[in-house]
Amino acid sequence: MRAVRPYDEPTPAWMLPLAWEVTEVKVLVATDQSQNGNLAVDLARSTTWPPDTLLRVLTCIEPLGAGGELGVPPYTYDDALVTSAREGLQSAASGVKRPGLLTEYVVCVGRAADEIVRQAADLKADLVIVGSRGRGPLATTLLGSVAAEVVDRSPCPVLVARRPALNKIVLAEDGSSGAAGALAYLTSSPFATSLAEVPVQVTGVVDTDMPWALTSGIDGHATGPMYEAYQEGLGAQRKALATKTRETAEVLTRLGRRATAALREGHPASELIAEASESDGDLIVVGTRGRTGLERLALGSVTRAVLTHAKCSVLVVHQKTERSAGARPAAKD
């Protein structure tokens, strides 16, 4: 059984990030059997997993009804749907099986996000891989409501699959404890050995979006002491972030990884997405505080924007959760 000790605070770059003790790997792969949903299965199939990895491949049938609420009849479904779903799941995931891996197939009946989070908690999963099935014309639907809720509520890191393989990683570095946790997961988690040969681009973004208060003058141009203080702070941020991205790349290099550092300026989410696009990155790795429920916005606007708009896969590394694993957020949220 794995033992997990997430970072509580940033770790100096010269220290080996031993936040995860690797003993075995348990991965939950969730698909709705759509083309986009099966990207989770494709990614699991293309990944080189350590021996004795357990892959639980799951699909979920969402029956009609409201579960007996407000006088509405309980959930109903046709047994034939379960048989069909099981056959489709086994067909889609047939290529995942290989010597040394343990593979399970599970068909759940219920609300998809609830079942995925429950299965992750029951399995004590090290990672959840889920497809992204956005619906509708709005750009914000690119993530999909199920994937978004799983990211919010999962007791472990979540990889939202939008590509069938991982060939280059963009690691977001902002000097925070969340970024330190992402580095730890990328280097010493049970999933880390699967990514050992994948090059990493450590990317820091200097947020140059000027505060509204500095751009609300009569002529629309910022001047005066506040503006000068802002520019001074921006210069300090550039220097500190350049040092931090370089140190993080050095940590990865010392661990035998191929890593480079990059510094960009602009809106953090937009620049991380642009970096992945320009460098042919298949995966953006971001860290977050991992809060859930009424505190879901603590996931961070940058992380949420990357999840919503990136065209490549995104791995969200939660730190210590502050709610019991799998708890469903309040309805008002």
C-alpha atoms as a PDB file:
ATOM      1  CA  MET A   1       0.000   0.000   0.000  1.00  0.00           C
ATOM      2  CA  ARG A   2       1.324   3.427  -0.879  1.00  0.00           C
ATOM      3  CA  ALA A   3       2.090   6.085   1.695  1.00  0.00           C
ATOM      4  CA  VAL A   4       1.460   9.672   0.681  1.00  0.00           C
ATOM      5  CA  ARG A   5       2.908  12.768   2.301  1.00  0.00           C
ATOM      6  CA  PRO A   6       2.110  15.795   0.155  1.00  0.00           C
ATOM      7  CA  TYR A   7       4.154  18.945   0.452  1.00  0.00           C
ATOM      8  CA  ASP A   8       2.921  21.413   3.063  1.00  0.00           C
ATOM      9  CA  GLU A   9       5.284  24.125   1.879  1.00  0.00           C
ATOM     10  CA  PRO A  10       7.740  24.716  -0.988  1.00  0.00           C
ATOM     11  CA  THR A  11      10.882  22.577  -0.867  1.00  0.00           C
ATOM     12  CA  PRO A  12      14.291  24.044  -1.803  1.00  0.00           C
ATOM     13  CA  ALA A  13      15.204  23.108  -5.355  1.00  0.00           C
ATOM     14  CA  TRP A  14      18.378  21.340  -4.273  1.00  0.00           C
ATOM     15  CA  MET A  15      16.430  18.815  -2.212  1.00  0.00           C
ATOM     16  CA  LEU A  16      15.190  15.551  -3.672  1.00  0.00           C
ATOM     17  CA  PRO A  17      11.377  15.849  -3.613  1.00  0.00           C
ATOM     18  CA  LEU A  18      10.389  12.739  -1.672  1.00  0.00           C
ATOM     19  CA  ALA A  19       6.713  13.541  -1.232  1.00  0.00           C
ATOM     20  CA  TRP A  20       5.526  10.168  -2.507  1.00  0.00           C
ATOM     21  CA  GLU A  21       6.622   6.670  -1.571  1.00  0.00           C
ATOM     22  CA  VAL A  22       6.268   4.314  -4.527  1.00  0.00           C
ATOM     23  CA  THR A  23       5.120   0.788  -3.698  1.00  0.00           C
ATOM     24  CA  GLU A  24       2.422   0.041  -6.282  1.00  0.00           C
ATOM     25  CA  VAL A  25       0.335   1.908  -8.836  1.00  0.00           C
ATOM     26  CA  LYS A  26      -3.460   1.988  -8.910  1.00  0.00           C
ATOM     27  CA  VAL A  27      -5.095   3.859 -11.757  1.00  0.00           C
ATOM     28  CA  LEU A  28      -8.775   4.466 -12.464  1.00  0.00           C
ATOM     29  CA  VAL A  29      -9.507   4.982 -16.163  1.00  0.00           C
ATOM     30  CA  ALA A  30     -12.993   6.400 -16.777  1.00  0.00           C
ATOM     31  CA  THR A  31     -14.651   6.563 -20.185  1.00  0.00           C
ATOM     32  CA  ASP A  32     -18.163   7.196 -21.485  1.00  0.00           C
ATOM     33  CA  GLN A  33     -17.193   5.203 -24.611  1.00  0.00           C
ATOM     34  CA  SER A  34     -17.492   8.284 -26.836  1.00  0.00           C
ATOM     35  CA  GLN A  35     -14.617   9.232 -29.148  1.00  0.00           C
ATOM     36  CA  ASN A  36     -13.302  11.839 -26.704  1.00  0.00           C
ATOM     37  CA  GLY A  37     -14.044   9.689 -23.689  1.00  0.00           C
ATOM     38  CA  ASN A  38     -12.016   6.806 -25.096  1.00  0.00           C
ATOM     39  CA  LEU A  39      -8.935   9.042 -25.216  1.00  0.00           C
ATOM     40  CA  ALA A  40      -8.550   8.125 -21.549  1.00  0.00           C
ATOM     41  CA  VAL A  41      -8.317   4.471 -22.557  1.00  0.00           C
ATOM     42  CA  ASP A  42      -5.982   5.286 -25.462  1.00  0.00           C
ATOM     43  CA  LEU A  43      -3.665   7.189 -23.135  1.00  0.00           C
ATOM     44  CA  ALA A  44      -3.636   4.340 -20.626  1.00  0.00           C
ATOM     45  CA  ARG A  45      -2.884   1.946 -23.480  1.00  0.00           C
ATOM     46  CA  SER A  46       0.091   3.993 -24.729  1.00  0.00           C
ATOM     47  CA  THR A  47       1.634   4.514 -21.282  1.00  0.00           C
ATOM     48  CA  THR A  48       4.482   2.306 -20.073  1.00  0.00           C
ATOM     49  CA  TRP A  49       3.246   1.329 -16.622  1.00  0.00           C
ATOM     50  CA  PRO A  50       5.457  -0.200 -13.931  1.00  0.00           C
ATOM     51  CA  PRO A  51       5.016  -3.950 -13.257  1.00  0.00           C
ATOM     52  CA  ASP A  52       2.013  -4.912 -11.117  1.00  0.00           C
ATOM     53  CA  THR A  53       0.128  -1.730 -11.959  1.00  0.00           C
ATOM     54  CA  LEU A  54      -3.619  -2.114 -11.431  1.00  0.00           C
ATOM     55  CA  LEU A  55      -5.766  -0.456 -14.094  1.00  0.00           C
ATOM     56  CA  ARG A  56      -9.474  -0.307 -13.336  1.00  0.00           C
ATOM     57  CA  VAL A  57     -11.316   0.698 -16.516  1.00  0.00           C
ATOM     58  CA  LEU A  58     -14.753   2.083 -15.761  1.00  0.00           C
ATOM     59  CA  THR A  59     -17.819   3.205 -17.634  1.00  0.00           C
ATOM     60  CA  CYS A  60     -21.036   4.466 -16.128  1.00  0.00           C
ATOM     61  CA  ILE A  61     -24.687   4.191 -17.105  1.00  0.00           C
ATOM     62  CA  GLU A  62     -26.735   7.168 -15.967  1.00  0.00           C
ATOM     63  CA  PRO A  63     -30.322   5.864 -15.641  1.00  0.00           C
ATOM     64  CA  LEU A  64     -33.474   7.908 -15.976  1.00  0.00           C
ATOM     65  CA  GLY A  65     -35.274   9.255 -12.931  1.00  0.00           C
ATOM     66  CA  ALA A  66     -34.332  11.203  -9.844  1.00  0.00           C
ATOM     67  CA  GLY A  67     -33.605   8.429  -7.410  1.00  0.00           C
ATOM     68  CA  GLY A  68     -36.916   8.730  -5.597  1.00  0.00           C
ATOM     69  CA  GLU A  69     -36.576  12.444  -4.832  1.00  0.00           C
ATOM     70  CA  LEU A  70     -39.667  14.669  -4.794  1.00  0.00           C
ATOM     71  CA  GLY A  71     -41.972  11.763  -5.489  1.00  0.00           C
ATOM     72  CA  VAL A  72     -40.274  10.876  -8.775  1.00  0.00           C
ATOM     73  CA  PRO A  73     -39.860   7.107  -9.320  1.00  0.00           C
ATOM     74  CA  PRO A  74     -36.443   5.658  -8.460  1.00  0.00           C
ATOM     75  CA  TYR A  75     -33.689   5.302 -11.028  1.00  0.00           C
ATOM     76  CA  THR A  76     -34.548   2.848 -13.769  1.00  0.00           C
ATOM     77  CA  TYR A  77     -32.451   1.186 -16.422  1.00  0.00           C
ATOM     78  CA  ASP A  78     -32.554  -1.743 -18.769  1.00  0.00           C
ATOM     79  CA  ASP A  79     -30.292  -4.697 -17.976  1.00  0.00           C
ATOM     80  CA  ALA A  80     -29.522  -4.850 -21.670  1.00  0.00           C
ATOM     81  CA  LEU A  81     -27.785  -1.497 -21.331  1.00  0.00           C
ATOM     82  CA  VAL A  82     -25.407  -2.944 -18.773  1.00  0.00           C
ATOM     83  CA  THR A  83     -24.585  -5.888 -21.035  1.00  0.00           C
ATOM     84  CA  SER A  84     -24.029  -3.587 -23.991  1.00  0.00           C
ATOM     85  CA  ALA A  85     -21.873  -1.215 -21.919  1.00  0.00           C
ATOM     86  CA  ARG A  86     -19.765  -4.093 -20.620  1.00  0.00           C
ATOM     87  CA  GLU A  87     -19.162  -5.453 -24.115  1.00  0.00           C
ATOM     88  CA  GLY A  88     -18.283  -2.008 -25.434  1.00  0.00           C
ATOM     89  CA  LEU A  89     -15.933  -1.367 -22.540  1.00  0.00           C
ATOM     90  CA  GLN A  90     -14.083  -4.626 -22.991  1.00  0.00           C
ATOM     91  CA  SER A  91     -13.741  -3.959 -26.710  1.00  0.00           C
ATOM     92  CA  ALA A  92     -12.444  -0.408 -26.229  1.00  0.00           C
ATOM     93  CA  ALA A  93     -10.025  -1.402 -23.496  1.00  0.00           C
ATOM     94  CA  SER A  94      -8.821  -4.700 -24.936  1.00  0.00           C
ATOM     95  CA  GLY A  95      -5.468  -3.211 -25.907  1.00  0.00           C
ATOM     96  CA  VAL A  96      -4.742  -2.145 -22.316  1.00  0.00           C
ATOM     97  CA  LYS A  97      -4.085  -5.720 -21.229  1.00  0.00           C
ATOM     98  CA  ARG A  98      -0.444  -6.765 -21.226  1.00  0.00           C
ATOM     99  CA  PRO A  99       1.845  -9.040 -19.187  1.00  0.00           C
ATOM    100  CA  GLY A 100       2.607  -7.669 -15.733  1.00  0.00           C
ATOM    101  CA  LEU A 101      -0.491  -5.476 -15.531  1.00  0.00           C
ATOM    102  CA  LEU A 102      -3.659  -6.193 -13.606  1.00  0.00           C
ATOM    103  CA  THR A 103      -6.759  -5.066 -15.464  1.00  0.00           C
ATOM    104  CA  GLU A 104     -10.316  -4.758 -14.186  1.00  0.00           C
ATOM    105  CA  TYR A 105     -13.481  -3.737 -16.027  1.00  0.00           C
ATOM    106  CA  VAL A 106     -16.297  -2.104 -14.096  1.00  0.00           C
ATOM    107  CA  VAL A 107     -19.740  -0.961 -15.271  1.00  0.00           C
ATOM    108  CA  CYS A 108     -21.420   1.372 -12.752  1.00  0.00           C
ATOM    109  CA  VAL A 109     -25.026   2.516 -12.659  1.00  0.00           C
ATOM    110  CA  GLY A 110     -25.554   6.003 -11.289  1.00  0.00           C
ATOM    111  CA  ARG A 111     -24.469   9.591 -11.680  1.00  0.00           C
ATOM    112  CA  ALA A 112     -21.130   9.500 -13.545  1.00  0.00           C
ATOM    113  CA  ALA A 113     -19.126  11.993 -11.481  1.00  0.00           C
ATOM    114  CA  ASP A 114     -20.336  10.448  -8.224  1.00  0.00           C
ATOM    115  CA  GLU A 115     -19.397   6.939  -9.332  1.00  0.00           C
ATOM    116  CA  ILE A 116     -15.956   7.935 -10.636  1.00  0.00           C
ATOM    117  CA  VAL A 117     -15.055   9.738  -7.412  1.00  0.00           C
ATOM    118  CA  ARG A 118     -16.426   6.870  -5.304  1.00  0.00           C
ATOM    119  CA  GLN A 119     -14.455   4.299  -7.277  1.00  0.00           C
ATOM    120  CA  ALA A 120     -11.276   6.376  -6.965  1.00  0.00           C
ATOM    121  CA  ALA A 121     -11.708   6.521  -3.194  1.00  0.00           C
ATOM    122  CA  ASP A 122     -12.535   2.804  -2.884  1.00  0.00           C
ATOM    123  CA  LEU A 123      -9.552   1.845  -5.032  1.00  0.00           C
ATOM    124  CA  LYS A 124      -7.259   4.282  -3.182  1.00  0.00           C
ATOM    125  CA  ALA A 125      -6.211   5.325  -6.657  1.00  0.00           C
ATOM    126  CA  ASP A 126      -2.955   7.154  -7.304  1.00  0.00           C
ATOM    127  CA  LEU A 127      -4.383   8.673 -10.462  1.00  0.00           C
ATOM    128  CA  VAL A 128      -7.693   9.111 -12.272  1.00  0.00           C
ATOM    129  CA  ILE A 129      -7.645   9.381 -16.059  1.00  0.00           C
ATOM    130  CA  VAL A 130     -10.848  10.751 -17.521  1.00  0.00           C
ATOM    131  CA  GLY A 131     -11.861  11.806 -21.020  1.00  0.00           C
ATOM    132  CA  SER A 132     -13.057  15.319 -21.750  1.00  0.00           C
ATOM    133  CA  ARG A 133     -16.445  15.413 -23.403  1.00  0.00           C
ATOM    134  CA  GLY A 134     -17.600  18.990 -23.737  1.00  0.00           C
ATOM    135  CA  ARG A 135     -20.992  19.587 -25.295  1.00  0.00           C
ATOM    136  CA  GLY A 136     -22.502  22.652 -26.908  1.00  0.00           C
ATOM    137  CA  PRO A 137     -21.074  25.644 -28.782  1.00  0.00           C
ATOM    138  CA  LEU A 138     -19.572  27.525 -25.826  1.00  0.00           C
ATOM    139  CA  ALA A 139     -15.815  27.364 -25.324  1.00  0.00           C
ATOM    140  CA  THR A 140     -16.348  26.676 -21.626  1.00  0.00           C
ATOM    141  CA  THR A 141     -17.934  23.325 -22.455  1.00  0.00           C
ATOM    142  CA  LEU A 142     -14.636  22.025 -23.825  1.00  0.00           C
ATOM    143  CA  LEU A 143     -13.858  20.509 -20.425  1.00  0.00           C
ATOM    144  CA  GLY A 144     -17.204  18.815 -19.889  1.00  0.00           C
ATOM    145  CA  SER A 145     -19.208  18.873 -16.680  1.00  0.00           C
ATOM    146  CA  VAL A 146     -18.276  15.340 -15.569  1.00  0.00           C
ATOM    147  CA  ALA A 147     -14.530  15.893 -15.975  1.00  0.00           C
ATOM    148  CA  ALA A 148     -14.769  19.272 -14.246  1.00  0.00           C
ATOM    149  CA  GLU A 149     -16.561  17.796 -11.239  1.00  0.00           C
ATOM    150  CA  VAL A 150     -14.177  14.858 -11.007  1.00  0.00           C
ATOM    151  CA  VAL A 151     -11.222  17.269 -10.930  1.00  0.00           C
ATOM    152  CA  ASP A 152     -12.899  19.225  -8.133  1.00  0.00           C
ATOM    153  CA  ARG A 153     -13.820  16.241  -5.991  1.00  0.00           C
ATOM    154  CA  SER A 154     -11.237  13.550  -6.678  1.00  0.00           C
ATOM    155  CA  PRO A 155      -9.161  12.343  -3.704  1.00  0.00           C
ATOM    156  CA  CYS A 156      -6.119  12.010  -5.981  1.00  0.00           C
ATOM    157  CA  PRO A 157      -4.581  13.740  -9.013  1.00  0.00           C
ATOM    158  CA  VAL A 158      -6.663  13.758 -12.193  1.00  0.00           C
ATOM    159  CA  LEU A 159      -5.422  13.551 -15.765  1.00  0.00           C
ATOM    160  CA  VAL A 160      -7.943  14.934 -18.266  1.00  0.00           C
ATOM    161  CA  ALA A 161      -7.065  13.158 -21.514  1.00  0.00           C
ATOM    162  CA  ARG A 162      -7.238  15.056 -24.799  1.00  0.00           C
ATOM    163  CA  ARG A 163      -4.376  13.287 -26.577  1.00  0.00           C
ATOM    164  CA  PRO A 164      -3.789   9.523 -26.954  1.00  0.00           C
ATOM    165  CA  ALA A 165      -0.164   9.668 -25.759  1.00  0.00           C
ATOM    166  CA  LEU A 166       2.297  11.755 -23.735  1.00  0.00           C
ATOM    167  CA  ASN A 167       5.462  12.820 -25.530  1.00  0.00           C
ATOM    168  CA  LYS A 168       6.284  16.192 -23.938  1.00  0.00           C
ATOM    169  CA  ILE A 169       5.283  17.815 -20.660  1.00  0.00           C
ATOM    170  CA  VAL A 170       4.845  21.484 -19.779  1.00  0.00           C
ATOM    171  CA  LEU A 171       5.202  21.876 -16.004  1.00  0.00           C
ATOM    172  CA  ALA A 172       3.719  25.095 -14.607  1.00  0.00           C
ATOM    173  CA  GLU A 173       6.013  26.769 -12.069  1.00  0.00           C
ATOM    174  CA  ASP A 174       4.929  29.810 -10.066  1.00  0.00           C
ATOM    175  CA  GLY A 175       6.932  29.304  -6.890  1.00  0.00           C
ATOM    176  CA  SER A 176       3.875  28.198  -4.899  1.00  0.00           C
ATOM    177  CA  SER A 177       3.444  25.145  -2.689  1.00  0.00           C
ATOM    178  CA  GLY A 178       1.016  23.830  -5.301  1.00  0.00           C
ATOM    179  CA  ALA A 179       3.757  23.930  -7.932  1.00  0.00           C
ATOM    180  CA  ALA A 180       6.115  22.165  -5.510  1.00  0.00           C
ATOM    181  CA  GLY A 181       3.525  19.432  -5.084  1.00  0.00           C
ATOM    182  CA  ALA A 182       3.215  19.073  -8.857  1.00  0.00           C
ATOM    183  CA  LEU A 183       6.994  18.708  -9.122  1.00  0.00           C
ATOM    184  CA  ALA A 184       6.962  16.077  -6.396  1.00  0.00           C
ATOM    185  CA  TYR A 185       4.242  14.086  -8.127  1.00  0.00           C
ATOM    186  CA  LEU A 186       6.041  14.325 -11.447  1.00  0.00           C
ATOM    187  CA  THR A 187       9.304  13.011 -10.006  1.00  0.00           C
ATOM    188  CA  SER A 188       8.509  10.591  -7.193  1.00  0.00           C
ATOM    189  CA  SER A 189       4.862   9.539  -7.357  1.00  0.00           C
ATOM    190  CA  PRO A 190       3.744   6.077  -8.461  1.00  0.00           C
ATOM    191  CA  PHE A 191       2.927   7.600 -11.861  1.00  0.00           C
ATOM    192  CA  ALA A 192       6.375   9.202 -12.190  1.00  0.00           C
ATOM    193  CA  THR A 193       8.139   6.115 -13.530  1.00  0.00           C
ATOM    194  CA  SER A 194       5.702   6.059 -16.435  1.00  0.00           C
ATOM    195  CA  LEU A 195       6.891   9.551 -17.421  1.00  0.00           C
ATOM    196  CA  ALA A 196      10.618   9.036 -16.845  1.00  0.00           C
ATOM    197  CA  GLU A 197      11.511   9.281 -20.545  1.00  0.00           C
ATOM    198  CA  VAL A 198       9.197  12.194 -21.354  1.00  0.00           C
ATOM    199  CA  PRO A 199      10.987  15.576 -21.656  1.00  0.00           C
ATOM    200  CA  VAL A 200       9.764  18.414 -19.452  1.00  0.00           C
ATOM    201  CA  GLN A 201       9.521  22.121 -20.234  1.00  0.00           C
ATOM    202  CA  VAL A 202       9.392  23.979 -16.904  1.00  0.00           C
ATOM    203  CA  THR A 203       7.441  27.159 -17.612  1.00  0.00           C
ATOM    204  CA  GLY A 204       6.972  30.212 -15.451  1.00  0.00           C
ATOM    205  CA  VAL A 205       4.703  33.061 -16.472  1.00  0.00           C
ATOM    206  CA  VAL A 206       5.146  36.632 -15.280  1.00  0.00           C
ATOM    207  CA  ASP A 207       1.619  37.988 -14.954  1.00  0.00           C
ATOM    208  CA  THR A 208       1.774  41.338 -16.739  1.00  0.00           C
ATOM    209  CA  ASP A 209      -1.968  42.035 -16.681  1.00  0.00           C
ATOM    210  CA  MET A 210      -1.968  45.536 -15.245  1.00  0.00           C
ATOM    211  CA  PRO A 211      -4.314  46.177 -12.284  1.00  0.00           C
ATOM    212  CA  TRP A 212      -7.448  48.086 -13.221  1.00  0.00           C
ATOM    213  CA  ALA A 213      -6.617  50.847 -10.758  1.00  0.00           C
ATOM    214  CA  LEU A 214      -3.486  51.692 -12.743  1.00  0.00           C
ATOM    215  CA  THR A 215      -5.282  51.939 -16.089  1.00  0.00           C
ATOM    216  CA  SER A 216      -8.338  53.951 -15.105  1.00  0.00           C
ATOM    217  CA  GLY A 217      -6.865  57.413 -15.556  1.00  0.00           C
ATOM    218  CA  ILE A 218      -8.381  60.048 -17.786  1.00  0.00           C
ATOM    219  CA  ASP A 219      -6.048  59.322 -20.667  1.00  0.00           C
ATOM    220  CA  GLY A 220      -6.057  55.568 -20.101  1.00  0.00           C
ATOM    221  CA  HIS A 221      -2.317  55.516 -19.366  1.00  0.00           C
ATOM    222  CA  ALA A 222      -0.783  54.590 -16.020  1.00  0.00           C
ATOM    223  CA  THR A 223       1.625  57.032 -14.391  1.00  0.00           C
ATOM    224  CA  GLY A 224       2.718  58.139 -10.938  1.00  0.00           C
ATOM    225  CA  PRO A 225       4.142  56.425  -7.843  1.00  0.00           C
ATOM    226  CA  MET A 226       1.707  53.482  -7.919  1.00  0.00           C
ATOM    227  CA  TYR A 227       2.683  52.663 -11.470  1.00  0.00           C
ATOM    228  CA  GLU A 228       6.384  52.934 -10.636  1.00  0.00           C
ATOM    229  CA  ALA A 229       5.913  50.601  -7.657  1.00  0.00           C
ATOM    230  CA  TYR A 230       4.045  48.161  -9.904  1.00  0.00           C
ATOM    231  CA  GLN A 231       6.871  48.142 -12.444  1.00  0.00           C
ATOM    232  CA  GLU A 232       9.422  47.600  -9.692  1.00  0.00           C
ATOM    233  CA  GLY A 233       7.435  44.665  -8.376  1.00  0.00           C
ATOM    234  CA  LEU A 234       7.135  43.246 -11.887  1.00  0.00           C
ATOM    235  CA  GLY A 235      10.907  43.342 -12.254  1.00  0.00           C
ATOM    236  CA  ALA A 236      11.351  41.499  -8.970  1.00  0.00           C
ATOM    237  CA  GLN A 237       8.815  38.904 -10.091  1.00  0.00           C
ATOM    238  CA  ARG A 238      10.703  38.333 -13.340  1.00  0.00           C
ATOM    239  CA  LYS A 239      13.959  37.774 -11.486  1.00  0.00           C
ATOM    240  CA  ALA A 240      12.476  35.456  -8.850  1.00  0.00           C
ATOM    241  CA  LEU A 241      10.482  33.377 -11.320  1.00  0.00           C
ATOM    242  CA  ALA A 242      13.419  33.033 -13.708  1.00  0.00           C
ATOM    243  CA  THR A 243      15.498  31.668 -10.825  1.00  0.00           C
ATOM    244  CA  LYS A 244      12.743  29.314  -9.704  1.00  0.00           C
ATOM    245  CA  THR A 245      12.082  27.821 -13.152  1.00  0.00           C
ATOM    246  CA  ARG A 246      15.801  27.270 -13.632  1.00  0.00           C
ATOM    247  CA  GLU A 247      16.129  25.583 -10.225  1.00  0.00           C
ATOM    248  CA  THR A 248      13.167  23.315 -10.923  1.00  0.00           C
ATOM    249  CA  ALA A 249      14.659  22.279 -14.264  1.00  0.00           C
ATOM    250  CA  GLU A 250      17.941  21.549 -12.477  1.00  0.00           C
ATOM    251  CA  VAL A 251      16.146  19.292  -9.969  1.00  0.00           C
ATOM    252  CA  LEU A 252      14.657  17.304 -12.841  1.00  0.00           C
ATOM    253  CA  THR A 253      18.017  17.109 -14.608  1.00  0.00           C
ATOM    254  CA  ARG A 254      19.729  15.777 -11.482  1.00  0.00           C
ATOM    255  CA  LEU A 255      17.094  13.068 -11.372  1.00  0.00           C
ATOM    256  CA  GLY A 256      17.989  12.023 -14.904  1.00  0.00           C
ATOM    257  CA  ARG A 257      15.117  13.779 -16.655  1.00  0.00           C
ATOM    258  CA  ARG A 258      15.412  15.851 -19.824  1.00  0.00           C
ATOM    259  CA  ALA A 259      14.320  19.285 -18.681  1.00  0.00           C
ATOM    260  CA  THR A 260      14.571  22.885 -19.845  1.00  0.00           C
ATOM    261  CA  ALA A 261      13.308  26.156 -18.393  1.00  0.00           C
ATOM    262  CA  ALA A 262      11.247  28.883 -20.060  1.00  0.00           C
ATOM    263  CA  LEU A 263       9.925  32.235 -18.871  1.00  0.00           C
ATOM    264  CA  ARG A 264       6.956  33.899 -20.533  1.00  0.00           C
ATOM    265  CA  GLU A 265       4.952  37.060 -19.881  1.00  0.00           C
ATOM    266  CA  GLY A 266       1.239  37.675 -20.129  1.00  0.00           C
ATOM    267  CA  HIS A 267      -1.856  36.008 -18.720  1.00  0.00           C
ATOM    268  CA  PRO A 268      -0.644  32.812 -16.962  1.00  0.00           C
ATOM    269  CA  ALA A 269      -3.272  30.415 -18.332  1.00  0.00           C
ATOM    270  CA  SER A 270      -3.042  31.763 -21.878  1.00  0.00           C
ATOM    271  CA  GLU A 271       0.749  31.582 -21.846  1.00  0.00           C
ATOM    272  CA  LEU A 272       0.864  28.035 -20.473  1.00  0.00           C
ATOM    273  CA  ILE A 273      -1.516  26.935 -23.215  1.00  0.00           C
ATOM    274  CA  ALA A 274       0.544  28.802 -25.810  1.00  0.00           C
ATOM    275  CA  GLU A 275       3.753  27.187 -24.528  1.00  0.00           C
ATOM    276  CA  ALA A 276       2.234  23.725 -24.910  1.00  0.00           C
ATOM    277  CA  SER A 277       1.043  24.558 -28.420  1.00  0.00           C
ATOM    278  CA  GLU A 278       4.336  26.072 -29.577  1.00  0.00           C
ATOM    279  CA  SER A 279       6.509  23.340 -28.059  1.00  0.00           C
ATOM    280  CA  ASP A 280       4.259  20.436 -29.121  1.00  0.00           C
ATOM    281  CA  GLY A 281       3.456  19.636 -25.510  1.00  0.00           C
ATOM    282  CA  ASP A 282       0.964  16.802 -24.970  1.00  0.00           C
ATOM    283  CA  LEU A 283       0.458  17.457 -21.255  1.00  0.00           C
ATOM    284  CA  ILE A 284       0.285  20.504 -19.000  1.00  0.00           C
ATOM    285  CA  VAL A 285       0.923  19.725 -15.321  1.00  0.00           C
ATOM    286  CA  VAL A 286      -0.470  22.171 -12.765  1.00  0.00           C
ATOM    287  CA  GLY A 287      -0.635  22.045  -8.980  1.00  0.00           C
ATOM    288  CA  THR A 288      -3.517  23.221  -6.853  1.00  0.00           C
ATOM    289  CA  ARG A 289      -4.565  23.384  -3.227  1.00  0.00           C
ATOM    290  CA  GLY A 290      -7.108  20.668  -3.922  1.00  0.00           C
ATOM    291  CA  ARG A 291     -10.050  22.088  -1.963  1.00  0.00           C
ATOM    292  CA  THR A 292     -13.549  20.972  -2.784  1.00  0.00           C
ATOM    293  CA  GLY A 293     -17.191  21.782  -2.268  1.00  0.00           C
ATOM    294  CA  LEU A 294     -17.931  25.398  -1.367  1.00  0.00           C
ATOM    295  CA  GLU A 295     -14.211  26.106  -1.703  1.00  0.00           C
ATOM    296  CA  ARG A 296     -13.960  24.784  -5.270  1.00  0.00           C
ATOM    297  CA  LEU A 297     -12.918  28.207  -6.579  1.00  0.00           C
ATOM    298  CA  ALA A 298      -9.715  27.702  -4.588  1.00  0.00           C
ATOM    299  CA  LEU A 299      -8.766  25.398  -7.448  1.00  0.00           C
ATOM    300  CA  GLY A 300      -7.575  28.665  -8.926  1.00  0.00           C
ATOM    301  CA  SER A 301      -8.609  30.676 -11.921  1.00  0.00           C
ATOM    302  CA  VAL A 302      -5.404  29.785 -13.777  1.00  0.00           C
ATOM    303  CA  THR A 303      -5.824  26.040 -13.267  1.00  0.00           C
ATOM    304  CA  ARG A 304      -9.493  26.171 -14.206  1.00  0.00           C
ATOM    305  CA  ALA A 305      -8.762  28.225 -17.343  1.00  0.00           C
ATOM    306  CA  VAL A 306      -6.045  25.792 -18.427  1.00  0.00           C
ATOM    307  CA  LEU A 307      -8.408  22.866 -17.863  1.00  0.00           C
ATOM    308  CA  THR A 308     -11.164  24.532 -19.835  1.00  0.00           C
ATOM    309  CA  HIS A 309      -9.261  25.859 -22.829  1.00  0.00           C
ATOM    310  CA  ALA A 310      -6.169  23.709 -23.364  1.00  0.00           C
ATOM    311  CA  LYS A 311      -6.306  21.409 -26.371  1.00  0.00           C
ATOM    312  CA  CYS A 312      -3.762  19.021 -24.887  1.00  0.00           C
ATOM    313  CA  SER A 313      -4.111  16.773 -21.849  1.00  0.00           C
ATOM    314  CA  VAL A 314      -3.976  18.392 -18.396  1.00  0.00           C
ATOM    315  CA  LEU A 315      -2.828  16.803 -15.132  1.00  0.00           C
ATOM    316  CA  VAL A 316      -4.096  18.509 -11.966  1.00  0.00           C
ATOM    317  CA  VAL A 317      -2.113  17.569  -8.866  1.00  0.00           C
ATOM    318  CA  HIS A 318      -4.120  18.173  -5.710  1.00  0.00           C
ATOM    319  CA  GLN A 319      -2.439  18.832  -2.432  1.00  0.00           C
ATOM    320  CA  LYS A 320      -3.986  17.664   0.813  1.00  0.00           C
ATOM    321  CA  THR A 321      -7.775  17.665   0.508  1.00  0.00           C
ATOM    322  CA  GLU A 322      -9.726  19.379   3.269  1.00  0.00           C
ATOM    323  CA  ARG A 323     -12.908  17.356   2.901  1.00  0.00           C
ATOM    324  CA  SER A 324     -13.487  13.645   3.093  1.00  0.00           C
ATOM    325  CA  ALA A 325     -12.612  11.894  -0.146  1.00  0.00           C
ATOM    326  CA  GLY A 326     -15.414  11.845  -2.649  1.00  0.00           C
ATOM    327  CA  ALA A 327     -17.658  14.321  -0.852  1.00  0.00           C
ATOM    328  CA  ARG A 328     -20.171  15.890  -3.197  1.00  0.00           C
ATOM    329  CA  PRO A 329     -20.148  19.709  -3.345  1.00  0.00           C
ATOM    330  CA  ALA A 330     -23.130  21.682  -2.081  1.00  0.00           C
ATOM    331  CA  ALA A 331     -25.870  22.241  -4.634  1.00  0.00           C
ATOM    332  CA  LYS A 332     -25.468  26.035  -4.591  1.00  0.00           C
ATOM    333  CA  ASP A 333     -21.922  25.632  -5.905  1.00  0.00           C
END
